[in-house]
Amino acid sequence: MTFPPVKEQLDLIKRNTVEIIPEEELERKLAASLKENKPLRIKLGCDPSRPDLHIGHGVVLQKLRDFQDLGHKAILIIGDFTAMIGDPSGKNKTRPPLTLEETRINGKTYFDQASKILLEKDLEIRYNSEWLDKMTFSDVIKLASKYTVAQILERDDFEKRMESKTPISLHELLYPLSQAMDSVAVTSDVELGGTDQKFNLLVGRAIQESYGQNAQCIVTCELLEGTDGVEKMSKSLNNAICFTDAPKDIFGKTMSIPDKLILKYFTLATMLGNKELAEIKAQLDDTATNPRNIKVSLGYELVKKYYDEESAKFAQKEFETIFVKKEVPDDIPVFKMDAKEVKLVTLIKENNMAPSSSEAIRLIKAGGVTIDGEKITDEKFVVKPEKDFILKVGKRRFLKVLV
């Protein structure tokens, strides 16, 4: 294996990173790796509390891919055991525990999704139940003795919960130590994570040293806000663009982000280089530029990254058909209506255009439902068609109804 020079490696590693702890130590590790022609072991942990990865996860996965491109070994830890605890980072209350079976079901989807970014040939996948589930109570006591309660409670989220008298379950205090044991188990040289993971990653350094290992270096990446432009991207907050979203949904969700986030999304979530990013920034700074046009390019780049260029072209064309030309797309579901009349709410619900009758009612009241372009706001509306018609629910759901 031929590694690039250390400075060249550091330039790529520093791209889109917030902090390297400690940078001079990472530089020494890279130099030793180059001298010995031996790849570093780069660890990233994912807790499968939910089955879908989103482009916020993609930021740190891309950093792991950067290390792969430099010739190093990527270690993806699927935290099927730690997900039963639930990472308390940024949480203001105890999360409901998951069973090991639930976390393993979620974890099975992670590899396929992560493979959209990572190279399989230089990737080691490990489930942390492999070592954590085998620890005896004696092992846990030994581990717990290596860190103090005072050190654990220095975590900002724990401190806030203590001040507000919000309960902290004892098992949550063990989470950083459990994640640290992952680093010990795989002899990690470098661990990656979002800025919200800094405390956990630092605990990993301390625990590795206490077990006689060289401490891992830490590389943190910026967090990506969701499509609401406020909260960190999260599927539970309904503001996520997921790897598993259809191309048209990735494109459509991208078009809904606030203009202030356009450059950040381009920087953190696409593969564009510095020159292209500088050109985009110049366009956004120009008051004559319509930000919507830049978002079209962003949607195209994201679909291309997680699918392919053909899908990106099709998603852009479909978006322009629906939203720009105000036309109905060619490929929409068809429903044959046998009854002479049907409640609009029932029609929407039974064709999966809304997850429930209450949501269908909400959409109708909000003016989000049209029949052949005519807005319907009466929740009790009964459809009595004399000819075929197009039902539109929300911005992107269409149904052709045949009578």
Protein backbone atom coordinates (compact mmCIF):
# COMPACT_ATOMS: atom_id res chain seq x y z
CA MET A 1 0.00 0.00 0.00
CA THR A 2 1.30 3.46 -0.93
CA PHE A 3 0.13 6.28 1.33
CA PRO A 4 0.13 9.96 0.29
CA PRO A 5 2.50 12.32 2.13
CA VAL A 6 1.40 13.28 5.66
CA LYS A 7 0.61 16.89 4.74
CA GLU A 8 -1.58 15.75 1.84
CA GLN A 9 -3.40 13.34 4.15
CA LEU A 10 -3.97 16.05 6.77
CA ASP A 11 -5.38 18.43 4.14
CA LEU A 12 -8.09 15.91 3.25
CA ILE A 13 -8.75 14.91 6.87
CA LYS A 14 -9.21 18.56 7.88
CA ARG A 15 -11.82 19.17 5.17
CA ASN A 16 -15.22 19.65 6.85
CA THR A 17 -13.86 18.79 10.31
CA VAL A 18 -14.36 20.94 13.40
CA GLU A 19 -11.63 19.62 15.68
CA ILE A 20 -8.75 17.13 15.72
CA ILE A 21 -7.68 16.07 19.22
CA PRO A 22 -4.73 16.26 19.43
CA GLU A 23 -3.66 17.24 15.90
CA GLU A 24 0.07 16.82 16.49
CA GLU A 25 -0.56 13.27 17.75
CA LEU A 26 -2.54 12.39 14.62
CA GLU A 27 0.30 13.77 12.54
CA ARG A 28 2.72 11.45 14.36
CA LYS A 29 0.41 8.46 13.81
CA LEU A 30 0.16 9.25 10.10
CA ALA A 31 3.94 9.57 9.86
CA ALA A 32 4.44 6.20 11.62
CA SER A 33 1.83 4.61 9.37
CA LEU A 34 3.66 5.94 6.32
CA LYS A 35 7.06 4.74 7.60
CA GLU A 36 5.82 1.26 8.54
CA ASN A 37 3.50 1.03 5.50
CA LYS A 38 0.70 0.04 7.89
CA PRO A 39 -2.83 1.50 7.72
CA LEU A 40 -4.38 3.18 10.75
CA ARG A 41 -7.59 1.73 12.20
CA ILE A 42 -10.34 4.36 11.93
CA LYS A 43 -13.44 3.76 14.02
CA LEU A 44 -16.98 5.09 13.61
CA GLY A 45 -19.84 3.90 15.78
CA CYS A 46 -23.51 3.91 14.75
CA ASP A 47 -26.30 3.11 17.20
CA PRO A 48 -29.18 1.47 15.31
CA SER A 49 -31.95 2.98 17.44
CA ARG A 50 -33.72 3.60 14.10
CA PRO A 51 -33.32 1.64 10.86
CA ASP A 52 -32.56 4.51 8.48
CA LEU A 53 -29.42 6.56 7.97
CA HIS A 54 -29.79 10.16 6.75
CA ILE A 55 -27.47 12.66 5.08
CA GLY A 56 -26.55 14.04 8.51
CA HIS A 57 -24.96 10.64 9.19
CA GLY A 58 -23.48 10.94 5.71
CA VAL A 59 -21.22 13.81 6.84
CA VAL A 60 -19.18 11.63 9.20
CA LEU A 61 -19.46 8.57 6.93
CA GLN A 62 -17.86 10.67 4.19
CA LYS A 63 -15.00 11.46 6.58
CA LEU A 64 -14.56 7.73 7.14
CA ARG A 65 -14.49 7.32 3.35
CA ASP A 66 -11.78 10.02 3.19
CA PHE A 67 -9.60 7.87 5.44
CA GLN A 68 -10.32 4.86 3.21
CA ASP A 69 -9.27 6.85 0.15
CA LEU A 70 -5.99 7.60 1.95
CA GLY A 71 -5.41 3.86 2.40
CA HIS A 72 -6.51 3.36 6.02
CA LYS A 73 -8.80 0.70 7.49
CA ALA A 74 -12.39 1.71 8.26
CA ILE A 75 -14.02 0.04 11.27
CA LEU A 76 -17.80 0.54 11.36
CA ILE A 77 -19.21 -0.41 14.76
CA ILE A 78 -22.89 -1.29 14.72
CA GLY A 79 -23.89 -0.57 18.31
CA ASP A 80 -26.55 -3.25 18.65
CA PHE A 81 -25.72 -3.59 22.37
CA THR A 82 -25.29 0.10 23.24
CA ALA A 83 -28.49 0.97 21.36
CA MET A 84 -30.34 -0.87 24.11
CA ILE A 85 -29.10 1.87 26.46
CA GLY A 86 -29.64 4.70 24.00
CA ASP A 87 -27.04 7.43 23.56
CA PRO A 88 -27.97 10.21 26.03
CA SER A 89 -26.02 12.84 24.04
CA GLY A 90 -28.23 15.91 23.67
CA LYS A 91 -31.22 14.17 25.25
CA ASN A 92 -33.19 15.85 28.02
CA LYS A 93 -34.84 12.66 29.19
CA THR A 94 -34.16 8.94 29.40
CA ARG A 95 -34.90 7.14 26.12
CA PRO A 96 -37.10 4.04 26.15
CA PRO A 97 -34.80 0.99 26.01
CA LEU A 98 -34.80 -1.25 22.92
CA THR A 99 -34.38 -5.01 22.93
CA LEU A 100 -31.26 -6.59 21.45
CA GLU A 101 -33.46 -8.17 18.77
CA GLU A 102 -34.86 -4.75 17.77
CA THR A 103 -31.39 -3.21 17.51
CA ARG A 104 -30.12 -6.12 15.41
CA ILE A 105 -33.04 -5.81 12.97
CA ASN A 106 -32.23 -2.11 12.57
CA GLY A 107 -28.52 -2.83 12.35
CA LYS A 108 -28.95 -5.21 9.41
CA THR A 109 -29.96 -2.32 7.15
CA TYR A 110 -26.97 -0.17 8.12
CA PHE A 111 -24.35 -1.94 6.03
CA ASP A 112 -26.31 -1.66 2.77
CA GLN A 113 -26.99 2.01 3.42
CA ALA A 114 -23.46 2.88 4.52
CA SER A 115 -22.14 1.15 1.38
CA LYS A 116 -23.55 4.06 -0.64
CA ILE A 117 -20.53 5.99 0.69
CA LEU A 118 -17.98 3.51 2.05
CA LEU A 119 -15.71 1.13 0.14
CA GLU A 120 -16.52 -2.46 1.03
CA LYS A 121 -13.00 -3.74 0.35
CA ASP A 122 -11.44 -1.63 3.14
CA LEU A 123 -14.30 -1.93 5.61
CA GLU A 124 -14.55 -4.00 8.78
CA ILE A 125 -18.07 -4.30 10.21
CA ARG A 126 -18.38 -5.22 13.89
CA TYR A 127 -21.37 -5.54 16.23
CA ASN A 128 -20.47 -4.41 19.75
CA SER A 129 -22.61 -7.12 21.35
CA GLU A 130 -19.69 -9.33 20.31
CA TRP A 131 -17.72 -8.11 23.33
CA LEU A 132 -20.13 -6.13 25.53
CA ASP A 133 -22.67 -8.95 25.83
CA LYS A 134 -19.91 -11.23 27.12
CA MET A 135 -18.76 -8.93 29.92
CA THR A 136 -19.41 -10.27 33.40
CA PHE A 137 -20.59 -8.09 36.26
CA SER A 138 -17.02 -8.25 37.53
CA ASP A 139 -15.83 -6.86 34.16
CA VAL A 140 -18.34 -4.02 34.39
CA ILE A 141 -17.19 -3.12 37.91
CA LYS A 142 -13.57 -3.12 36.70
CA LEU A 143 -14.52 -0.83 33.82
CA ALA A 144 -16.58 1.51 36.03
CA SER A 145 -13.65 1.86 38.44
CA LYS A 146 -11.58 3.52 35.71
CA TYR A 147 -13.76 6.66 35.52
CA THR A 148 -15.34 8.81 38.22
CA VAL A 149 -18.95 9.92 38.64
CA ALA A 150 -17.73 13.52 38.72
CA GLN A 151 -16.08 13.06 35.32
CA ILE A 152 -19.23 11.53 33.83
CA LEU A 153 -21.44 14.31 35.21
CA GLU A 154 -19.27 16.92 33.49
CA ARG A 155 -21.23 16.11 30.36
CA ASP A 156 -23.24 19.18 29.42
CA ASP A 157 -26.51 17.27 28.93
CA PHE A 158 -26.17 15.44 32.27
CA GLU A 159 -25.35 18.70 34.02
CA LYS A 160 -28.46 20.37 32.58
CA ARG A 161 -30.66 17.46 33.60
CA MET A 162 -29.23 17.56 37.13
CA GLU A 163 -29.96 21.28 37.39
CA SER A 164 -33.53 20.84 36.14
CA LYS A 165 -34.04 17.83 38.43
CA THR A 166 -34.75 15.66 35.37
CA PRO A 167 -34.03 11.99 36.17
CA ILE A 168 -30.86 10.36 34.89
CA SER A 169 -30.99 6.58 34.85
CA LEU A 170 -27.91 4.77 36.09
CA HIS A 171 -27.54 2.81 32.85
CA GLU A 172 -27.12 6.09 30.93
CA LEU A 173 -23.98 6.83 32.93
CA LEU A 174 -22.54 3.60 31.55
CA TYR A 175 -23.07 4.59 27.91
CA PRO A 176 -19.78 6.53 27.44
CA LEU A 177 -17.87 3.68 29.08
CA SER A 178 -19.57 1.11 26.82
CA GLN A 179 -18.68 3.13 23.73
CA ALA A 180 -15.12 3.43 25.05
CA MET A 181 -14.89 -0.36 25.31
CA ASP A 182 -15.60 -0.50 21.58
CA SER A 183 -12.36 1.43 21.03
CA VAL A 184 -10.51 -1.02 23.28
CA ALA A 185 -12.00 -4.04 21.49
CA VAL A 186 -10.98 -2.90 18.00
CA THR A 187 -7.75 -1.10 19.06
CA SER A 188 -8.86 2.11 17.41
CA ASP A 189 -6.20 4.61 16.27
CA VAL A 190 -8.70 7.33 15.39
CA GLU A 191 -12.38 7.72 16.23
CA LEU A 192 -14.80 9.88 14.28
CA GLY A 193 -18.02 11.51 15.43
CA GLY A 194 -20.23 14.59 15.36
CA THR A 195 -19.43 17.50 17.66
CA ASP A 196 -22.12 16.20 20.04
CA GLN A 197 -20.02 13.05 20.51
CA LYS A 198 -16.88 14.82 21.77
CA PHE A 199 -17.34 13.78 25.41
CA ASN A 200 -17.86 10.11 24.51
CA LEU A 201 -14.81 10.12 22.24
CA LEU A 202 -12.63 11.64 24.96
CA VAL A 203 -13.76 8.93 27.39
CA GLY A 204 -12.59 6.42 24.79
CA ARG A 205 -9.08 7.92 24.90
CA ALA A 206 -8.96 7.66 28.69
CA ILE A 207 -10.27 4.08 28.83
CA GLN A 208 -7.88 2.88 26.12
CA GLU A 209 -4.94 4.21 28.13
CA SER A 210 -6.25 2.57 31.31
CA TYR A 211 -6.26 -0.78 29.45
CA GLY A 212 -2.68 -0.27 28.30
CA GLN A 213 -3.42 0.84 24.74
CA ASN A 214 -2.26 3.93 22.86
CA ALA A 215 -5.04 6.54 23.04
CA GLN A 216 -7.03 7.13 19.89
CA CYS A 217 -7.07 10.52 18.23
CA ILE A 218 -10.43 12.22 17.75
CA VAL A 219 -11.85 13.85 14.64
CA THR A 220 -15.19 15.65 15.02
CA CYS A 221 -17.47 16.73 12.18
CA GLU A 222 -20.04 19.49 12.05
CA LEU A 223 -23.69 18.61 12.66
CA LEU A 224 -26.16 19.17 9.84
CA GLU A 225 -29.49 20.82 10.59
CA GLY A 226 -32.57 19.16 9.18
CA THR A 227 -34.91 20.49 6.53
CA ASP A 228 -36.61 22.70 9.15
CA GLY A 229 -33.36 24.63 9.46
CA VAL A 230 -33.49 24.56 13.27
CA GLU A 231 -32.98 21.15 14.87
CA LYS A 232 -30.20 18.65 14.17
CA MET A 233 -31.30 16.29 11.40
CA SER A 234 -33.30 13.43 12.89
CA LYS A 235 -35.90 11.07 11.52
CA SER A 236 -37.85 11.33 14.78
CA LEU A 237 -38.19 15.09 14.18
CA ASN A 238 -39.43 14.50 10.62
CA ASN A 239 -36.71 16.79 9.23
CA ALA A 240 -34.42 14.17 7.69
CA ILE A 241 -33.37 13.33 4.14
CA CYS A 242 -32.74 9.58 4.38
CA PHE A 243 -30.46 7.36 2.31
CA THR A 244 -33.49 5.17 1.62
CA ASP A 245 -35.74 8.00 0.41
CA ALA A 246 -36.79 7.72 -3.22
CA PRO A 247 -34.85 10.06 -5.57
CA LYS A 248 -37.90 12.30 -6.04
CA ASP A 249 -38.27 12.62 -2.25
CA ILE A 250 -34.59 13.47 -1.75
CA PHE A 251 -34.99 16.14 -4.42
CA GLY A 252 -38.30 17.43 -3.07
CA LYS A 253 -37.08 17.60 0.54
CA THR A 254 -33.94 19.42 -0.57
CA MET A 255 -36.06 22.07 -2.25
CA SER A 256 -37.78 22.72 1.10
CA ILE A 257 -34.66 23.63 3.10
CA PRO A 258 -34.19 27.28 4.19
CA ASP A 259 -32.03 29.34 1.85
CA LYS A 260 -29.54 30.02 4.67
CA LEU A 261 -28.55 26.32 4.67
CA ILE A 262 -27.88 25.92 0.94
CA LEU A 263 -24.12 26.46 1.14
CA LYS A 264 -23.79 24.32 4.28
CA TYR A 265 -25.60 21.42 2.61
CA PHE A 266 -23.37 21.75 -0.48
CA THR A 267 -20.27 21.82 1.74
CA LEU A 268 -21.12 18.97 4.11
CA ALA A 269 -23.37 16.70 2.07
CA THR A 270 -22.03 16.74 -1.51
CA MET A 271 -18.75 15.81 -3.18
CA LEU A 272 -18.08 19.22 -4.74
CA GLY A 273 -14.56 20.67 -4.47
CA ASN A 274 -13.43 24.01 -3.07
CA LYS A 275 -13.50 25.76 -6.44
CA GLU A 276 -17.09 24.71 -7.13
CA LEU A 277 -18.15 25.65 -3.59
CA ALA A 278 -16.59 29.09 -4.00
CA GLU A 279 -18.59 29.59 -7.21
CA ILE A 280 -21.82 28.61 -5.43
CA LYS A 281 -21.06 31.02 -2.59
CA ALA A 282 -20.48 33.83 -5.10
CA GLN A 283 -23.83 33.09 -6.75
CA LEU A 284 -25.63 33.09 -3.39
CA ASP A 285 -23.98 36.40 -2.46
CA ASP A 286 -25.31 37.93 -5.69
CA THR A 287 -28.72 39.48 -4.95
CA ALA A 288 -29.77 38.82 -8.55
CA THR A 289 -29.57 35.06 -7.98
CA ASN A 290 -32.76 33.15 -7.20
CA PRO A 291 -31.77 30.70 -4.39
CA ARG A 292 -34.32 28.23 -5.74
CA ASN A 293 -32.16 27.68 -8.82
CA ILE A 294 -29.17 26.83 -6.61
CA LYS A 295 -31.33 24.42 -4.62
CA VAL A 296 -32.18 22.60 -7.85
CA SER A 297 -28.45 21.98 -8.32
CA LEU A 298 -28.19 20.82 -4.70
CA GLY A 299 -31.05 18.37 -5.11
CA TYR A 300 -29.39 17.05 -8.26
CA GLU A 301 -26.04 16.52 -6.49
CA LEU A 302 -27.62 14.72 -3.54
CA VAL A 303 -29.63 12.31 -5.70
CA LYS A 304 -26.53 11.65 -7.82
CA LYS A 305 -24.50 10.87 -4.67
CA TYR A 306 -27.00 8.42 -3.15
CA TYR A 307 -28.30 6.94 -6.42
CA ASP A 308 -26.80 7.87 -9.80
CA GLU A 309 -26.80 10.61 -12.42
CA GLU A 310 -29.72 9.13 -14.36
CA SER A 311 -31.90 9.18 -11.23
CA ALA A 312 -30.82 12.77 -10.56
CA LYS A 313 -31.88 13.87 -14.05
CA PHE A 314 -35.24 12.11 -13.72
CA ALA A 315 -35.91 13.55 -10.23
CA GLN A 316 -35.14 17.07 -11.46
CA LYS A 317 -37.39 16.64 -14.50
CA GLU A 318 -40.23 15.30 -12.34
CA PHE A 319 -39.88 18.17 -9.88
CA GLU A 320 -40.01 20.74 -12.66
CA THR A 321 -43.06 19.01 -14.15
CA ILE A 322 -44.97 19.09 -10.86
CA PHE A 323 -43.88 22.35 -9.31
CA VAL A 324 -42.69 24.57 -12.13
CA LYS A 325 -45.01 23.64 -14.99
CA LYS A 326 -47.82 22.74 -12.57
CA GLU A 327 -48.47 19.60 -14.61
CA VAL A 328 -49.31 16.10 -13.46
CA PRO A 329 -46.45 13.58 -13.83
CA ASP A 330 -46.89 10.75 -16.31
CA ASP A 331 -46.32 7.88 -13.91
CA ILE A 332 -48.95 8.10 -11.13
CA PRO A 333 -51.08 5.44 -9.40
CA VAL A 334 -54.50 4.66 -10.84
CA PHE A 335 -57.62 3.77 -8.82
CA LYS A 336 -60.83 2.35 -10.32
CA MET A 337 -63.81 3.66 -8.39
CA ASP A 338 -66.64 1.11 -8.34
CA ALA A 339 -69.05 2.95 -6.02
CA LYS A 340 -71.09 5.94 -7.20
CA GLU A 341 -69.82 8.04 -4.33
CA VAL A 342 -67.16 7.92 -1.64
CA LYS A 343 -66.06 10.16 1.19
CA LEU A 344 -62.96 12.16 0.23
CA VAL A 345 -61.27 11.21 3.53
CA THR A 346 -61.84 7.52 2.79
CA LEU A 347 -60.50 7.87 -0.76
CA ILE A 348 -57.32 9.49 0.53
CA LYS A 349 -56.77 7.04 3.38
CA GLU A 350 -57.49 3.83 1.43
CA ASN A 351 -55.07 4.84 -1.32
CA ASN A 352 -52.27 5.52 1.17
CA MET A 353 -52.14 9.21 0.35
CA ALA A 354 -52.22 9.95 4.09
CA PRO A 355 -51.22 7.67 6.98
CA SER A 356 -54.55 8.09 8.80
CA SER A 357 -58.03 9.56 8.50
CA SER A 358 -57.12 12.30 10.97
CA GLU A 359 -54.13 13.30 8.84
CA ALA A 360 -56.36 13.27 5.74
CA ILE A 361 -58.79 15.61 7.51
CA ARG A 362 -55.93 17.89 8.54
CA LEU A 363 -54.68 18.10 4.96
CA ILE A 364 -58.15 18.88 3.64
CA LYS A 365 -58.71 21.64 6.20
CA ALA A 366 -55.27 23.08 5.46
CA GLY A 367 -56.10 23.40 1.75
CA GLY A 368 -53.67 20.68 0.71
CA VAL A 369 -56.16 18.61 -1.34
CA THR A 370 -57.39 19.33 -4.87
CA ILE A 371 -59.59 17.55 -7.41
CA ASP A 372 -58.64 18.47 -10.97
CA GLY A 373 -56.92 21.57 -9.56
CA GLU A 374 -59.91 22.69 -7.48
CA LYS A 375 -59.13 23.02 -3.77
CA ILE A 376 -61.40 21.07 -1.40
CA THR A 377 -61.50 22.26 2.24
CA ASP A 378 -64.65 20.49 3.46
CA GLU A 379 -63.61 17.48 5.55
CA LYS A 380 -67.06 15.91 4.96
CA PHE A 381 -66.85 16.27 1.19
CA VAL A 382 -68.30 13.33 -0.74
CA VAL A 383 -66.89 12.55 -4.17
CA LYS A 384 -69.63 11.89 -6.78
CA PRO A 385 -67.70 11.92 -10.06
CA GLU A 386 -69.17 11.91 -13.54
CA LYS A 387 -65.77 11.59 -15.24
CA ASP A 388 -62.20 10.53 -14.48
CA PHE A 389 -60.28 13.00 -12.34
CA ILE A 390 -56.90 13.69 -10.73
CA LEU A 391 -56.69 13.81 -6.94
CA LYS A 392 -53.70 15.66 -5.50
CA VAL A 393 -52.80 15.45 -1.80
CA GLY A 394 -49.99 17.61 -0.45
CA LYS A 395 -47.25 18.69 -2.82
CA ARG A 396 -46.18 15.40 -4.36
CA ARG A 397 -48.94 12.77 -4.09
CA PHE A 398 -51.20 12.20 -7.10
CA LEU A 399 -53.90 9.65 -7.91
CA LYS A 400 -55.78 9.17 -11.16
CA VAL A 401 -59.33 8.05 -10.35
CA LEU A 402 -61.25 6.20 -13.05
CA VAL A 403 -65.08 6.03 -12.94
